[in-house]
């Protein structure tokens, strides 16, 4: 005859898995002496979906401070936007650099 321990109730407990938000990363634009201000605004509007006025302000921030955070995304999105930015820059003969950093 099988015996049951005092801890064995025969019930299975349902638990919800803990799902954490993925880590976030920042796209950072770096100032240089060759990329035009107009092109930086174009990048901010077309790649980072900023409004024109916001893009103008961010462009000035990058110009004055040497670099600036232009968006926070999951790693894949941040990397994709950085690659798009640098490809557009190269296609237009600009050395604009965009890096990805953890928040």
N, C-alpha and C. Protein backbone atom coordinates (compact mmCIF):
# COMPACT_ATOMS: atom_id res chain seq x y z
N UNK A 1 0.83 -1.17 0.00
CA UNK A 1 0.00 0.00 0.00
C UNK A 1 0.88 1.25 0.00
N UNK A 2 0.56 2.21 -0.88
CA UNK A 2 1.36 3.42 -1.01
C UNK A 2 1.00 4.40 0.11
N UNK A 3 2.02 5.05 0.60
CA UNK A 3 1.78 6.04 1.65
C UNK A 3 2.04 7.43 1.10
N UNK A 4 1.34 8.36 1.59
CA UNK A 4 1.51 9.76 1.17
C UNK A 4 2.22 10.51 2.27
N UNK A 5 3.15 11.36 1.84
CA UNK A 5 3.81 12.19 2.84
C UNK A 5 2.90 13.35 3.21
N UNK A 6 3.20 14.00 4.28
CA UNK A 6 2.36 15.12 4.71
C UNK A 6 2.50 16.34 3.79
N UNK A 7 3.53 16.32 2.92
CA UNK A 7 3.73 17.45 2.00
C UNK A 7 3.09 17.24 0.64
N UNK A 8 2.70 16.04 0.33
CA UNK A 8 2.16 15.72 -0.99
C UNK A 8 0.65 15.90 -0.97
N UNK A 9 0.17 16.97 -1.57
CA UNK A 9 -1.27 17.23 -1.60
C UNK A 9 -1.90 16.76 -2.89
N UNK A 10 -1.09 16.46 -3.88
CA UNK A 10 -1.61 16.01 -5.16
C UNK A 10 -2.07 17.15 -6.06
N UNK A 11 -1.96 18.37 -5.61
CA UNK A 11 -2.38 19.52 -6.41
C UNK A 11 -1.19 20.14 -7.11
N UNK A 12 -1.41 20.54 -8.34
CA UNK A 12 -0.38 21.27 -9.08
C UNK A 12 -0.70 22.75 -8.99
N UNK A 13 0.31 23.50 -8.70
CA UNK A 13 0.11 24.94 -8.57
C UNK A 13 0.46 25.61 -9.88
N UNK A 14 -0.43 26.46 -10.38
CA UNK A 14 -0.14 27.20 -11.60
C UNK A 14 0.59 28.48 -11.24
N UNK A 15 1.69 28.73 -11.90
CA UNK A 15 2.42 29.97 -11.68
C UNK A 15 2.58 30.68 -13.01
N UNK A 16 2.51 31.97 -12.96
CA UNK A 16 2.72 32.77 -14.17
C UNK A 16 4.20 33.03 -14.32
N UNK A 17 4.73 32.82 -15.52
CA UNK A 17 6.15 33.12 -15.71
C UNK A 17 6.38 34.63 -15.64
N UNK A 18 7.50 35.01 -15.10
CA UNK A 18 7.85 36.42 -15.01
C UNK A 18 8.51 36.81 -16.33
N UNK A 19 7.90 37.74 -17.01
CA UNK A 19 8.43 38.20 -18.30
C UNK A 19 8.98 39.60 -18.10
N UNK A 20 10.26 39.72 -18.26
CA UNK A 20 10.92 41.02 -18.06
C UNK A 20 10.96 41.79 -19.38
N UNK A 21 10.90 43.09 -19.27
CA UNK A 21 11.06 43.94 -20.43
C UNK A 21 12.49 43.77 -20.96
N UNK A 22 12.67 43.81 -22.28
CA UNK A 22 14.03 43.71 -22.79
C UNK A 22 14.83 44.95 -22.42
N UNK A 23 16.13 44.82 -22.28
CA UNK A 23 16.94 46.01 -21.95
C UNK A 23 16.84 47.05 -23.06
N UNK A 24 17.00 48.29 -22.70
CA UNK A 24 16.89 49.40 -23.67
C UNK A 24 18.28 49.92 -24.00
N UNK A 25 18.40 50.44 -25.21
CA UNK A 25 19.66 50.98 -25.71
C UNK A 25 19.40 52.34 -26.34
N UNK A 26 20.40 53.20 -26.26
CA UNK A 26 20.30 54.54 -26.84
C UNK A 26 21.07 54.60 -28.15
N UNK A 27 20.49 55.32 -29.10
CA UNK A 27 21.22 55.67 -30.32
C UNK A 27 21.85 57.03 -30.05
N UNK A 28 23.15 57.12 -30.29
CA UNK A 28 23.90 58.35 -30.05
C UNK A 28 24.47 58.85 -31.37
N UNK A 29 24.13 60.09 -31.73
CA UNK A 29 24.72 60.73 -32.92
C UNK A 29 25.96 61.50 -32.47
N UNK A 30 27.02 61.43 -33.28
CA UNK A 30 28.27 62.10 -32.96
C UNK A 30 28.52 63.22 -33.97
N UNK A 31 28.91 64.37 -33.47
CA UNK A 31 29.19 65.51 -34.32
C UNK A 31 30.50 65.30 -35.09
N UNK A 32 30.55 65.87 -36.27
CA UNK A 32 31.80 65.89 -37.03
C UNK A 32 31.87 67.22 -37.78
N UNK A 33 32.99 67.47 -38.43
CA UNK A 33 33.18 68.76 -39.10
C UNK A 33 32.73 68.77 -40.56
N UNK A 34 32.12 67.68 -41.03
CA UNK A 34 31.80 67.59 -42.45
C UNK A 34 30.32 67.42 -42.75
N UNK A 35 29.60 66.71 -41.90
CA UNK A 35 28.18 66.46 -42.14
C UNK A 35 27.41 67.76 -41.94
N UNK A 36 26.58 68.10 -42.93
CA UNK A 36 25.84 69.35 -42.85
C UNK A 36 24.71 69.26 -41.82
N UNK A 37 24.35 70.40 -41.30
CA UNK A 37 23.26 70.46 -40.34
C UNK A 37 21.95 70.00 -40.97
N UNK A 38 21.76 70.35 -42.23
CA UNK A 38 20.54 69.96 -42.95
C UNK A 38 20.44 68.45 -43.07
N UNK A 39 21.57 67.78 -43.31
CA UNK A 39 21.55 66.33 -43.43
C UNK A 39 21.25 65.68 -42.08
N UNK A 40 21.79 66.21 -41.02
CA UNK A 40 21.50 65.68 -39.68
C UNK A 40 20.01 65.80 -39.39
N UNK A 41 19.40 66.93 -39.72
CA UNK A 41 17.96 67.12 -39.53
C UNK A 41 17.20 66.10 -40.37
N UNK A 42 17.64 65.89 -41.62
CA UNK A 42 17.01 64.90 -42.49
C UNK A 42 17.04 63.51 -41.84
N UNK A 43 18.17 63.12 -41.27
CA UNK A 43 18.32 61.83 -40.60
C UNK A 43 17.36 61.74 -39.40
N UNK A 44 17.32 62.80 -38.61
CA UNK A 44 16.47 62.79 -37.42
C UNK A 44 14.99 62.68 -37.77
N UNK A 45 14.59 63.30 -38.86
CA UNK A 45 13.20 63.23 -39.30
C UNK A 45 12.90 61.88 -39.96
N UNK A 46 13.75 61.44 -40.86
CA UNK A 46 13.44 60.23 -41.64
C UNK A 46 13.72 58.94 -40.89
N UNK A 47 14.80 58.86 -40.14
CA UNK A 47 15.15 57.62 -39.45
C UNK A 47 14.55 57.56 -38.05
N UNK A 48 14.61 58.67 -37.33
CA UNK A 48 14.18 58.68 -35.93
C UNK A 48 12.79 59.28 -35.73
N UNK A 49 12.08 59.60 -36.81
CA UNK A 49 10.70 60.08 -36.81
C UNK A 49 10.47 61.27 -35.89
N UNK A 50 11.42 62.19 -35.85
CA UNK A 50 11.23 63.42 -35.07
C UNK A 50 10.50 64.45 -35.92
N UNK A 51 9.80 65.32 -35.26
CA UNK A 51 9.19 66.45 -35.97
C UNK A 51 10.30 67.44 -36.32
N UNK A 52 10.06 68.26 -37.30
CA UNK A 52 11.08 69.18 -37.80
C UNK A 52 11.66 70.06 -36.70
N UNK A 53 10.82 70.65 -35.88
CA UNK A 53 11.30 71.55 -34.81
C UNK A 53 12.13 70.79 -33.79
N UNK A 54 11.69 69.59 -33.42
CA UNK A 54 12.44 68.77 -32.47
C UNK A 54 13.79 68.36 -33.07
N UNK A 55 13.79 68.03 -34.36
CA UNK A 55 15.02 67.64 -35.05
C UNK A 55 16.01 68.80 -35.09
N UNK A 56 15.53 70.01 -35.32
CA UNK A 56 16.40 71.20 -35.33
C UNK A 56 17.07 71.37 -33.97
N UNK A 57 16.30 71.25 -32.90
CA UNK A 57 16.85 71.38 -31.55
C UNK A 57 17.85 70.30 -31.22
N UNK A 58 17.55 69.06 -31.61
CA UNK A 58 18.46 67.95 -31.34
C UNK A 58 19.75 68.10 -32.15
N UNK A 59 19.63 68.57 -33.39
CA UNK A 59 20.81 68.80 -34.22
C UNK A 59 21.73 69.83 -33.56
N UNK A 60 21.15 70.90 -33.02
CA UNK A 60 21.96 71.92 -32.35
C UNK A 60 22.62 71.35 -31.08
N UNK A 61 21.90 70.50 -30.37
CA UNK A 61 22.47 69.86 -29.18
C UNK A 61 23.68 68.99 -29.56
N UNK A 62 23.52 68.20 -30.60
CA UNK A 62 24.63 67.34 -31.07
C UNK A 62 25.80 68.22 -31.52
N UNK A 63 25.50 69.30 -32.21
CA UNK A 63 26.54 70.19 -32.71
C UNK A 63 27.31 70.85 -31.57
N UNK A 64 26.60 71.32 -30.55
CA UNK A 64 27.24 72.04 -29.44
C UNK A 64 27.92 71.12 -28.44
N UNK A 65 27.32 69.95 -28.17
CA UNK A 65 27.86 69.06 -27.14
C UNK A 65 28.77 67.96 -27.68
N UNK A 66 28.81 67.82 -29.00
CA UNK A 66 29.67 66.80 -29.59
C UNK A 66 28.97 65.48 -29.84
N UNK A 67 27.90 65.22 -29.10
CA UNK A 67 27.09 64.04 -29.33
C UNK A 67 25.76 64.22 -28.63
N UNK A 68 24.79 63.39 -29.01
CA UNK A 68 23.48 63.50 -28.38
C UNK A 68 22.67 62.24 -28.56
N UNK A 69 21.87 61.92 -27.54
CA UNK A 69 20.99 60.76 -27.58
C UNK A 69 19.79 61.12 -28.43
N UNK A 70 19.50 60.28 -29.43
CA UNK A 70 18.40 60.57 -30.34
C UNK A 70 17.26 59.57 -30.25
N UNK A 71 17.38 58.58 -29.39
CA UNK A 71 16.28 57.63 -29.20
C UNK A 71 16.68 56.47 -28.33
N UNK A 72 15.70 55.85 -27.68
CA UNK A 72 15.90 54.67 -26.85
C UNK A 72 15.05 53.53 -27.41
N UNK A 73 15.67 52.39 -27.65
CA UNK A 73 15.00 51.29 -28.31
C UNK A 73 15.51 49.96 -27.75
N UNK A 74 14.87 48.88 -28.18
CA UNK A 74 15.42 47.56 -27.93
C UNK A 74 16.73 47.48 -28.73
N UNK A 75 17.58 46.51 -28.40
CA UNK A 75 18.88 46.44 -29.07
C UNK A 75 18.73 46.31 -30.58
N UNK A 76 17.86 45.43 -31.04
CA UNK A 76 17.70 45.22 -32.48
C UNK A 76 17.25 46.49 -33.20
N UNK A 77 16.30 47.20 -32.61
CA UNK A 77 15.83 48.44 -33.24
C UNK A 77 16.91 49.51 -33.23
N UNK A 78 17.62 49.64 -32.11
CA UNK A 78 18.69 50.65 -32.02
C UNK A 78 19.77 50.35 -33.04
N UNK A 79 20.16 49.10 -33.15
CA UNK A 79 21.22 48.71 -34.10
C UNK A 79 20.77 48.96 -35.54
N UNK A 80 19.51 48.63 -35.83
CA UNK A 80 18.97 48.86 -37.17
C UNK A 80 18.98 50.34 -37.52
N UNK A 81 18.56 51.19 -36.60
CA UNK A 81 18.54 52.64 -36.85
C UNK A 81 19.95 53.19 -37.01
N UNK A 82 20.90 52.68 -36.24
CA UNK A 82 22.29 53.12 -36.37
C UNK A 82 22.84 52.72 -37.75
N UNK A 83 22.54 51.52 -38.19
CA UNK A 83 23.01 51.06 -39.50
C UNK A 83 22.37 51.88 -40.61
N UNK A 84 21.06 52.14 -40.51
CA UNK A 84 20.37 52.97 -41.51
C UNK A 84 20.99 54.36 -41.58
N UNK A 85 21.26 54.93 -40.42
CA UNK A 85 21.85 56.27 -40.36
C UNK A 85 23.20 56.30 -41.05
N UNK A 86 24.06 55.37 -40.70
CA UNK A 86 25.40 55.37 -41.28
C UNK A 86 25.39 55.02 -42.77
N UNK A 87 24.45 54.18 -43.22
CA UNK A 87 24.35 53.87 -44.64
C UNK A 87 23.90 55.10 -45.42
N UNK A 88 22.88 55.79 -44.92
CA UNK A 88 22.44 57.02 -45.59
C UNK A 88 23.57 58.05 -45.63
N UNK A 89 24.32 58.15 -44.54
CA UNK A 89 25.44 59.10 -44.50
C UNK A 89 26.48 58.74 -45.55
N UNK A 90 26.86 57.47 -45.62
CA UNK A 90 27.89 57.05 -46.60
C UNK A 90 27.40 57.26 -48.03
N UNK A 91 26.11 56.94 -48.26
CA UNK A 91 25.54 57.13 -49.60
C UNK A 91 25.55 58.59 -50.02
N UNK A 92 25.58 59.50 -49.04
CA UNK A 92 25.61 60.94 -49.33
C UNK A 92 26.97 61.56 -49.05
N UNK A 93 28.00 60.72 -48.91
CA UNK A 93 29.38 61.16 -48.71
C UNK A 93 29.60 61.95 -47.42
N UNK A 94 28.93 61.54 -46.36
CA UNK A 94 29.13 62.15 -45.06
C UNK A 94 29.69 61.11 -44.08
N UNK A 95 30.54 61.53 -43.15
CA UNK A 95 31.11 60.59 -42.17
C UNK A 95 30.31 60.49 -40.87
N UNK A 96 29.03 60.83 -40.89
CA UNK A 96 28.20 60.83 -39.68
C UNK A 96 28.26 59.48 -38.99
N UNK A 97 28.46 59.52 -37.68
CA UNK A 97 28.58 58.30 -36.89
C UNK A 97 27.41 58.21 -35.91
N UNK A 98 26.82 57.01 -35.82
CA UNK A 98 25.75 56.73 -34.88
C UNK A 98 26.11 55.47 -34.13
N UNK A 99 26.18 55.55 -32.80
CA UNK A 99 26.53 54.38 -32.00
C UNK A 99 25.36 53.96 -31.12
N UNK A 100 25.46 52.74 -30.59
CA UNK A 100 24.43 52.18 -29.72
C UNK A 100 25.07 51.93 -28.36
N UNK A 101 24.41 52.45 -27.30
CA UNK A 101 24.92 52.29 -25.95
C UNK A 101 23.79 51.81 -25.03
N UNK A 102 24.10 50.94 -24.07
CA UNK A 102 23.05 50.54 -23.12
C UNK A 102 22.65 51.72 -22.24
N UNK A 103 21.38 51.74 -21.84
CA UNK A 103 20.90 52.81 -20.95
C UNK A 103 21.47 52.64 -19.56
